[in-house]
Protein backbone atom coordinates (compact mmCIF):
# COMPACT_ATOMS: atom_id res chain seq x y z
CA MET A 1 -47.35 6.92 -10.26
CA VAL A 2 -43.86 8.38 -10.00
CA LYS A 3 -42.22 7.90 -6.61
CA LYS A 4 -40.75 11.32 -5.81
CA GLY A 5 -38.75 10.03 -2.84
CA HIS A 6 -36.46 8.03 -5.11
CA ILE A 7 -35.94 11.02 -7.41
CA PHE A 8 -35.19 13.22 -4.40
CA SER A 9 -32.61 10.67 -3.17
CA PHE A 10 -31.05 10.61 -6.65
CA PHE A 11 -30.52 14.38 -6.78
CA ALA A 12 -29.47 14.51 -3.11
CA ILE A 13 -26.66 12.04 -3.82
CA LEU A 14 -25.55 14.09 -6.84
CA ILE A 15 -25.55 17.35 -4.87
CA VAL A 16 -23.62 15.89 -1.93
CA ALA A 17 -21.12 14.25 -4.31
CA ALA A 18 -20.70 17.53 -6.23
CA VAL A 19 -20.03 19.46 -3.01
CA ILE A 20 -17.46 16.89 -1.85
CA MET A 21 -15.76 16.93 -5.26
CA GLY A 22 -15.62 20.71 -5.17
CA LEU A 23 -14.02 20.68 -1.72
CA VAL A 24 -11.37 18.06 -2.52
CA THR A 25 -10.36 19.34 -5.98
CA ALA A 26 -7.80 21.86 -4.74
CA PRO A 27 -6.20 19.57 -2.11
CA ILE A 28 -5.86 16.75 -4.65
CA ILE A 29 -4.29 18.99 -7.30
CA HIS A 30 -1.84 20.59 -4.86
CA ASN A 31 -0.76 17.30 -3.28
CA VAL A 32 -0.10 15.28 -6.42
CA LYS A 33 3.55 14.22 -6.50
CA LEU A 34 4.93 14.40 -10.03
CA GLY A 35 7.54 11.93 -11.24
CA LEU A 36 10.71 12.72 -13.15
CA ASP A 37 9.09 12.39 -16.57
CA LEU A 38 6.58 15.12 -15.64
CA LYS A 39 8.60 17.40 -13.38
CA GLY A 40 12.09 16.82 -14.73
CA GLY A 41 15.03 15.59 -12.71
CA PHE A 42 17.50 12.76 -12.34
CA GLU A 43 17.18 9.03 -11.70
CA VAL A 44 19.99 6.56 -11.07
CA LEU A 45 20.06 2.86 -10.22
CA TYR A 46 23.00 1.56 -8.16
CA GLN A 47 24.34 -1.93 -7.64
CA VAL A 48 25.38 -2.26 -3.99
CA LYS A 49 28.61 -4.13 -3.30
CA PRO A 50 30.62 -4.82 -0.11
CA LEU A 51 32.96 -2.04 0.97
CA LYS A 52 35.44 -4.50 2.42
CA ALA A 53 36.08 -8.24 2.31
CA GLY A 54 33.68 -10.34 4.36
CA GLN A 55 30.96 -7.69 4.52
CA LYS A 56 27.46 -9.06 3.95
CA ILE A 57 24.86 -7.13 1.99
CA ASP A 58 21.79 -7.81 4.12
CA GLN A 59 18.64 -5.84 4.86
CA ASN A 60 20.26 -3.92 7.70
CA THR A 61 23.20 -2.89 5.48
CA MET A 62 20.83 -1.71 2.75
CA SER A 63 18.77 0.27 5.27
CA ASN A 64 21.92 1.99 6.55
CA ALA A 65 22.91 2.84 2.98
CA VAL A 66 19.48 4.35 2.30
CA ALA A 67 19.71 6.39 5.52
CA ALA A 68 23.12 7.76 4.45
CA LEU A 69 21.76 8.62 1.00
CA ASN A 70 18.85 10.46 2.59
CA LYS A 71 21.28 12.72 4.46
CA ARG A 72 23.08 13.53 1.23
CA ILE A 73 19.86 14.21 -0.65
CA ASN A 74 18.86 16.67 2.09
CA VAL A 75 22.02 18.58 1.19
CA LEU A 76 20.78 18.89 -2.40
CA GLY A 77 17.54 20.42 -1.16
CA VAL A 78 15.41 18.08 -3.26
CA SER A 79 11.73 18.00 -2.38
CA GLU A 80 9.95 14.66 -2.48
CA PRO A 81 12.90 12.40 -3.37
CA SER A 82 12.28 8.69 -3.84
CA ILE A 83 14.74 6.03 -2.64
CA SER A 84 13.80 2.39 -2.96
CA ILE A 85 15.57 -0.94 -2.48
CA GLN A 86 15.14 -3.30 -5.41
CA ASN A 87 15.97 -7.00 -5.69
CA GLY A 88 17.74 -6.92 -2.33
CA ASN A 89 21.01 -5.40 -3.57
CA ARG A 90 20.03 -2.44 -5.72
CA ILE A 91 19.03 1.09 -4.77
CA ASP A 92 16.95 3.28 -7.07
CA VAL A 93 17.16 7.02 -6.44
CA GLN A 94 14.80 9.52 -8.06
CA LEU A 95 15.45 13.23 -7.58
CA PRO A 96 12.72 15.41 -9.15
CA GLY A 97 13.75 18.95 -10.00
CA VAL A 98 17.53 18.36 -9.78
CA LYS A 99 19.44 20.56 -12.23
CA ASP A 100 23.08 19.92 -11.25
CA GLU A 101 23.29 16.26 -12.25
CA LYS A 102 27.09 16.09 -11.88
CA ARG A 103 27.01 17.23 -8.25
CA ALA A 104 24.11 14.92 -7.47
CA ARG A 105 26.06 11.95 -8.84
CA GLN A 106 29.12 12.84 -6.81
CA LEU A 107 27.18 13.29 -3.59
CA LEU A 108 25.29 10.05 -4.03
CA SER A 109 27.94 7.55 -5.08
CA THR A 110 31.09 8.82 -3.37
CA THR A 111 31.78 6.64 -0.35
CA ALA A 112 33.22 9.72 1.42
CA ASN A 113 35.68 7.83 3.59
CA LEU A 114 38.14 10.57 4.60
CA THR A 115 41.57 9.41 5.79
CA PHE A 116 44.81 11.10 6.87
CA ARG A 117 47.93 9.09 5.96
CA ASP A 118 51.69 9.51 6.04
CA TYR A 119 53.90 9.36 2.96
CA LYS A 120 54.07 5.55 3.32
CA ASP A 121 50.24 5.37 3.17
CA HIS A 122 49.94 4.32 6.81
CA LEU A 123 46.58 5.31 8.30
CA MET A 124 46.95 8.09 10.88
CA LEU A 125 43.38 9.45 11.23
CA ASP A 126 40.00 8.74 9.64
CA GLY A 127 36.42 9.99 9.64
CA SER A 128 35.71 8.51 13.06
CA ASP A 129 38.17 11.04 14.56
CA LEU A 130 36.12 14.00 13.30
CA GLN A 131 33.35 15.87 15.08
CA PRO A 132 30.21 14.99 13.06
CA GLY A 133 28.56 17.81 11.12
CA LYS A 134 31.29 20.38 11.86
CA ALA A 135 32.84 20.70 8.39
CA GLN A 136 32.60 24.23 6.98
CA VAL A 137 33.78 26.17 3.96
CA ALA A 138 36.21 28.99 4.75
CA PHE A 139 38.64 31.21 2.86
CA ASP A 140 42.34 31.82 3.36
CA SER A 141 44.17 35.16 3.24
CA LEU A 142 44.20 35.02 -0.57
CA ASN A 143 40.45 34.35 -0.66
CA HIS A 144 40.97 30.75 -1.80
CA PRO A 145 38.27 28.35 -0.56
CA MET A 146 39.15 25.61 1.92
CA VAL A 147 37.34 23.21 4.23
CA THR A 148 37.72 23.40 8.01
CA LEU A 149 37.17 20.40 10.30
CA GLN A 150 37.09 19.76 14.03
CA LEU A 151 38.77 16.74 15.61
CA LYS A 152 37.45 14.94 18.66
CA ASP A 153 40.82 14.59 20.38
CA PRO A 154 43.49 17.35 20.05
CA ASN A 155 46.04 15.13 21.81
CA LYS A 156 45.71 12.46 19.14
CA PHE A 157 46.33 15.05 16.43
CA ALA A 158 49.39 16.27 18.33
CA SER A 159 50.72 12.69 18.45
CA VAL A 160 50.10 12.24 14.71
CA THR A 161 51.79 15.50 13.72
CA LYS A 162 54.73 14.71 15.98
CA LYS A 163 55.27 11.39 14.23
CA VAL A 164 54.94 12.93 10.75
CA LEU A 165 57.35 15.70 11.71
CA SER A 166 59.95 13.10 12.69
CA TYR A 167 60.14 11.84 9.09
CA GLY A 168 61.95 15.02 8.08
CA TYR A 169 61.78 16.94 4.84
CA PRO A 170 60.34 16.11 2.25
CA ASN A 171 58.49 13.23 3.89
CA ASN A 172 56.90 15.31 6.66
CA VAL A 173 53.54 15.42 4.85
CA LEU A 174 50.08 14.47 6.12
CA VAL A 175 48.30 13.21 3.03
CA ILE A 176 44.52 13.65 2.99
CA TRP A 177 42.61 11.09 0.92
CA MET A 178 38.99 10.65 -0.04
CA ASP A 179 38.10 6.98 -0.60
CA PHE A 180 41.64 5.60 -0.47
CA GLY A 181 41.44 2.28 -2.32
CA LYS A 182 43.44 -0.81 -3.05
CA GLY A 183 46.40 0.06 -5.27
CA ASP A 184 46.45 3.75 -4.32
CA SER A 185 49.82 5.12 -3.25
CA TYR A 186 51.10 8.57 -2.37
CA GLN A 187 54.43 7.89 -4.03
CA ASN A 188 52.69 7.02 -7.30
CA GLU A 189 50.34 10.01 -7.19
CA VAL A 190 52.52 12.85 -5.92
CA GLY A 191 54.20 13.47 -9.27
CA LYS A 192 50.93 13.63 -11.22
CA ALA A 193 49.20 16.86 -12.15
CA ASN A 194 45.79 15.39 -11.34
CA HIS A 195 46.54 13.30 -8.26
CA LYS A 196 43.91 11.28 -6.42
CA PHE A 197 44.58 12.64 -2.94
CA ILE A 198 42.96 15.90 -1.86
CA SER A 199 46.04 17.62 -0.44
CA ASN A 200 49.41 16.90 1.19
CA PRO A 201 50.25 19.71 3.62
CA SER A 202 53.71 19.74 5.23
CA VAL A 203 53.90 19.40 9.02
CA ASP A 204 56.46 21.91 10.32
CA ASN A 205 55.63 21.68 14.04
CA VAL A 206 53.55 19.68 16.49
CA LEU A 207 49.89 20.78 16.36
CA ASN A 208 47.96 20.35 19.60
CA THR A 209 44.61 21.58 18.29
CA SER A 210 41.21 20.29 17.28
CA ASP A 211 40.95 22.58 14.25
CA VAL A 212 42.11 21.22 10.88
CA GLN A 213 42.14 22.93 7.51
CA ILE A 214 41.99 21.14 4.16
CA SER A 215 43.28 23.39 1.42
CA GLY A 216 43.96 22.68 -2.24
CA ASN A 217 43.11 23.98 -5.66
CA PHE A 218 39.41 24.04 -4.79
CA THR A 219 36.69 25.98 -6.49
CA VAL A 220 33.87 27.11 -4.20
CA PRO A 221 31.46 24.40 -5.52
CA GLU A 222 34.14 21.71 -5.00
CA ALA A 223 34.81 22.87 -1.45
CA THR A 224 31.06 22.96 -0.77
CA THR A 225 30.61 19.42 -2.11
CA LEU A 226 33.49 18.15 0.04
CA LYS A 227 32.00 19.84 3.09
CA ASP A 228 28.58 18.33 2.39
CA LEU A 229 30.04 14.86 1.90
CA LEU A 230 31.92 15.02 5.19
CA ASN A 231 28.89 16.29 7.10
CA SER A 232 26.60 13.60 5.68
CA GLY A 233 28.95 10.80 6.70
CA SER A 234 30.49 7.94 4.75
CA LEU A 235 28.52 5.25 3.00
CA PRO A 236 28.65 1.76 4.55
CA VAL A 237 28.81 0.14 1.09
CA LYS A 238 30.25 0.63 -2.37
CA MET A 239 27.73 1.68 -5.01
CA THR A 240 28.23 1.15 -8.74
CA GLU A 241 25.98 2.98 -11.18
CA ILE A 242 24.27 0.60 -13.62
CA TYR A 243 21.57 2.86 -15.07
CA SER A 244 20.72 6.53 -15.09
CA THR A 245 18.42 8.93 -16.89
CA SER A 246 17.67 12.61 -16.71
CA VAL A 247 14.70 14.62 -17.93
CA GLY A 248 14.73 18.36 -18.49
CA ALA A 249 12.12 20.38 -16.60
CA GLN A 250 10.72 21.92 -19.79
CA TYR A 251 10.51 18.52 -21.48
CA GLY A 252 8.66 17.14 -18.47
CA GLN A 253 6.15 20.01 -18.51
CA ASN A 254 5.56 19.61 -22.23
CA SER A 255 5.07 15.85 -21.79
CA MET A 256 2.49 16.43 -19.07
CA LYS A 257 0.59 19.00 -21.16
CA ASP A 258 0.55 16.74 -24.22
CA THR A 259 -0.49 13.70 -22.18
CA LEU A 260 -3.26 15.53 -20.32
CA PHE A 261 -4.52 17.02 -23.59
CA ALA A 262 -4.61 13.60 -25.24
CA GLY A 263 -6.25 12.13 -22.14
CA ALA A 264 -8.89 14.89 -22.10
CA LEU A 265 -9.71 14.22 -25.76
CA GLY A 266 -10.00 10.50 -25.05
CA VAL A 267 -12.29 11.05 -22.05
CA ALA A 268 -14.43 13.52 -24.02
CA ALA A 269 -14.81 10.97 -26.83
CA ILE A 270 -15.85 8.31 -24.30
CA LEU A 271 -18.44 10.61 -22.69
CA LEU A 272 -19.90 11.52 -26.09
CA PHE A 273 -20.00 7.87 -27.15
CA MET A 274 -21.87 6.85 -24.00
CA LEU A 275 -24.47 9.60 -24.47
CA LEU A 276 -25.08 8.79 -28.13
CA PHE A 277 -25.38 5.03 -27.79
CA TYR A 278 -26.87 4.60 -24.32
CA ARG A 279 -28.76 7.86 -23.81
CA PHE A 280 -29.89 8.10 -20.20
CA GLY A 281 -27.90 5.03 -19.18
CA GLY A 282 -24.86 6.69 -20.73
CA LEU A 283 -25.51 9.86 -18.73
CA ILE A 284 -25.50 7.84 -15.50
CA ALA A 285 -22.29 6.12 -16.63
CA ASN A 286 -20.68 9.53 -17.31
CA ILE A 287 -21.67 10.79 -13.86
CA THR A 288 -20.12 7.74 -12.18
CA LEU A 289 -17.05 8.21 -14.38
CA ALA A 290 -16.52 11.65 -12.81
CA PHE A 291 -16.79 10.03 -9.37
CA TYR A 292 -14.32 7.39 -10.52
CA ILE A 293 -11.66 9.95 -11.53
CA TYR A 294 -11.94 11.84 -8.24
CA ILE A 295 -11.78 8.71 -6.11
CA VAL A 296 -8.81 7.30 -8.03
CA MET A 297 -6.84 10.54 -7.68
CA GLY A 298 -7.85 10.86 -4.02
CA VAL A 299 -6.62 7.35 -3.22
CA PHE A 300 -3.45 7.93 -5.25
CA VAL A 301 -2.65 11.13 -3.35
CA GLY A 302 -3.56 9.49 -0.05
CA LEU A 303 -1.03 6.73 -0.72
CA GLN A 304 1.57 9.44 -1.47
CA ALA A 305 2.33 7.71 -4.75
CA VAL A 306 4.26 9.48 -7.50
CA LEU A 307 2.37 10.29 -10.69
CA THR A 308 4.28 9.47 -13.89
CA LEU A 309 3.44 9.34 -17.58
CA PRO A 310 2.79 5.58 -17.34
CA GLY A 311 0.60 6.32 -14.32
CA ILE A 312 -1.52 8.74 -16.35
CA ALA A 313 -1.71 6.14 -19.11
CA ALA A 314 -2.88 3.56 -16.56
CA MET A 315 -5.56 5.94 -15.26
CA ILE A 316 -6.87 6.59 -18.79
CA LEU A 317 -6.81 2.83 -19.42
CA GLY A 318 -8.74 2.42 -16.18
CA ILE A 319 -11.33 4.92 -17.43
CA GLY A 320 -11.81 2.74 -20.50
CA MET A 321 -12.25 -0.33 -18.29
CA ALA A 322 -14.67 1.50 -16.02
CA VAL A 323 -16.74 2.48 -19.05
CA ASP A 324 -16.50 -1.09 -20.29
CA ALA A 325 -18.13 -2.27 -17.06
CA ASN A 326 -20.98 0.16 -17.66
CA ILE A 327 -21.33 -0.90 -21.28
CA ILE A 328 -21.62 -4.57 -20.32
CA THR A 329 -24.35 -3.75 -17.80
CA LEU A 330 -26.26 -1.42 -20.11
CA GLU A 331 -26.10 -3.87 -23.01
CA ARG A 332 -27.53 -6.60 -20.77
CA ILE A 333 -30.34 -4.24 -19.72
CA LYS A 334 -31.04 -3.36 -23.36
CA ASP A 335 -31.23 -7.05 -24.26
CA GLU A 336 -33.76 -7.59 -21.51
CA ILE A 337 -35.86 -4.61 -22.67
CA ARG A 338 -35.79 -5.91 -26.24
CA SER A 339 -37.09 -9.23 -24.97
CA GLY A 340 -40.24 -7.44 -23.82
CA LYS A 341 -39.56 -7.07 -20.11
CA SER A 342 -40.47 -3.94 -18.17
CA ILE A 343 -37.79 -1.37 -17.39
CA LEU A 344 -37.63 -2.53 -13.76
CA SER A 345 -37.41 -6.23 -14.63
CA ALA A 346 -34.84 -5.52 -17.35
CA PHE A 347 -32.73 -3.50 -14.91
CA ARG A 348 -32.72 -6.28 -12.30
CA ALA A 349 -32.01 -9.09 -14.76
CA GLY A 350 -29.44 -7.15 -16.78
CA SER A 351 -27.50 -6.05 -13.69
CA LYS A 352 -27.47 -9.60 -12.35
CA ARG A 353 -26.27 -11.12 -15.63
CA ALA A 354 -23.57 -8.48 -16.14
CA LEU A 355 -21.93 -8.71 -12.71
CA PRO A 356 -19.98 -12.02 -13.20
CA THR A 357 -18.54 -10.78 -16.51
CA VAL A 358 -17.42 -7.47 -15.00
CA VAL A 359 -15.88 -9.20 -11.96
CA ASP A 360 -13.95 -11.67 -14.13
CA ALA A 361 -12.61 -8.94 -16.45
CA ASN A 362 -11.41 -6.73 -13.61
CA LEU A 363 -10.04 -9.60 -11.53
CA THR A 364 -7.75 -10.77 -14.33
CA THR A 365 -6.46 -7.21 -14.78
CA ILE A 366 -5.86 -6.87 -11.03
CA ILE A 367 -3.79 -10.08 -11.10
CA ALA A 368 -1.72 -8.79 -14.04
CA ALA A 369 -1.19 -5.42 -12.31
CA ALA A 370 -0.12 -7.17 -9.09
CA VAL A 371 2.50 -9.19 -11.01
CA LEU A 372 3.80 -6.00 -12.64
CA PHE A 373 4.08 -4.33 -9.24
CA MET A 374 5.92 -7.28 -7.69
CA PHE A 375 8.48 -7.77 -10.45
CA GLY A 376 8.57 -4.41 -12.24
CA GLU A 377 10.92 -1.52 -11.56
CA SER A 378 10.69 2.26 -11.57
CA SER A 379 7.90 3.59 -13.82
CA VAL A 380 6.49 0.08 -14.33
CA LYS A 381 5.59 0.02 -10.64
CA GLY A 382 3.85 3.39 -11.02
CA PHE A 383 1.80 2.03 -13.89
CA ALA A 384 0.90 -1.05 -11.86
CA VAL A 385 -0.14 0.96 -8.77
CA MET A 386 -2.45 3.20 -10.79
CA LEU A 387 -3.92 0.20 -12.62
CA LEU A 388 -4.59 -1.60 -9.33
CA ILE A 389 -6.29 1.45 -7.83
CA SER A 390 -8.31 1.99 -11.01
CA ASN A 391 -9.67 -1.53 -11.11
CA CYS A 392 -10.59 -1.59 -7.44
CA VAL A 393 -12.40 1.76 -7.73
CA THR A 394 -14.25 0.46 -10.80
CA PHE A 395 -16.20 -1.90 -8.56
CA ILE A 396 -17.27 1.02 -6.36
CA THR A 397 -18.33 3.45 -9.09
CA SER A 398 -19.08 1.66 -12.35
CA VAL A 399 -20.73 -1.36 -10.76
CA TYR A 400 -22.33 -0.37 -7.46
CA GLY A 401 -22.39 3.41 -7.96
CA ALA A 402 -24.02 3.26 -11.39
CA ARG A 403 -26.42 0.55 -10.21
CA LEU A 404 -27.43 2.71 -7.22
CA LEU A 405 -28.12 5.86 -9.27
CA LEU A 406 -29.85 4.10 -12.13
CA GLY A 407 -31.76 1.91 -9.68
CA LEU A 408 -33.19 4.93 -7.86
CA LEU A 409 -34.67 6.32 -11.07
CA VAL A 410 -35.87 2.94 -12.29
CA HIS A 411 -37.62 2.25 -8.98
CA SER A 412 -39.15 5.74 -9.06
CA LYS A 413 -41.06 4.56 -12.20
CA ALA A 414 -40.04 7.78 -13.96
CA LEU A 415 -38.46 5.69 -16.73
CA ASN A 416 -41.40 3.33 -17.21
CA ASP A 417 -42.50 2.83 -20.81
CA LYS A 418 -39.61 4.98 -22.08
CA PRO A 419 -37.25 2.51 -23.81
CA TRP A 420 -35.87 5.30 -25.99
CA LEU A 421 -34.06 6.62 -22.88
CA PHE A 422 -31.86 3.53 -23.21
CA GLY A 423 -31.39 3.92 -26.97
CA ILE A 424 -34.00 1.33 -27.95
CA LYS A 425 -36.70 1.81 -30.60
CA ARG A 426 -40.15 0.41 -29.88
CA SER A 427 -39.95 -1.52 -33.10
CA ASP A 428 -36.98 -3.50 -31.66
CA ILE A 429 -39.01 -4.78 -28.68
CA ARG A 430 -40.34 -8.28 -29.13
CA GLU A 431 -43.96 -8.66 -28.14
CA HIS A 432 -45.00 -11.67 -26.04
């Protein structure tokens, strides 16, 4: 006699799962963070070096550098940027959706150490003398852009301008530098058309004021970039670009469409295969596969991970491994049915025999994915994260989930004496 309670439990689980999946579909879709290869944008890897002799590149220094980069990225208005420290002395920056790559590069890597020097290159003022966050873009009487600053101490500026004024013409200049480095010299640069210093205004009287103007042959974007650099503060380290890549937004969208289309075809082929070869067992496997996809994406979004093309590839690979776990179990059950056992006995024995094989297969993949995550960089880490999640979820859905659903129907006795539901002909069953 068929046990209706087990059948009721089976359909109750499906209905509850369907309702939950329907409720979480929209939040999952809207909260997926797309990587550069799907959304388009700019990625650059920097080698961090000491800014001055004796400086140590330790964890605190790297954290300060990341904090300074975050301020600059906020200026770009990038949503969901990714900044990560790699190998202790490298910083990887990913900026999805960035279109102005040149400005992004300048904002990120420029140390932005502003200094005011005399014609002999002696330091008169530096960034520490400025009011933080007060730089602005303004325009002179001829509508030329300039940058205005505010000093902390007007008396110090008066002292500086008094000293510069004492040099007399033509040496009464206050030279403004950005990232003045070893070997730089005003005397060497002043005669060049494209000099390294920003400007060299003449000091004609003592200025007892906190307001300073930096004028030059600026375009509006150049003045804006300078203002943003000054407001975000100087970097505590020197950063050298060792790798960069950019992906166009349209290319990223096309890549995502092509990948999802290929993935959908692959999943459809897997579902059809399971139905044709394993009949009812394949249907249960397909149902748990839908659970698998939702749980994997839910965990991925919950971890706030970034979805990339390798990540999608890892998820599709995980689908194949999840199906593989079902295939191993169903094949064991079919072997037991062929040996002449009842459906219930075959289910118990087949599930028991299949479990060690499934555990071993997934455990070795989890170890490989963990190694990739520990030693890989950039998109390799994304692949590893998705593969780790996929394999862990496989145990929940393809092993225990499928066993639960199939077990309910087997124990209900609705499948008794129906080997064809598992793709087995009666002629293949050995009689005792």
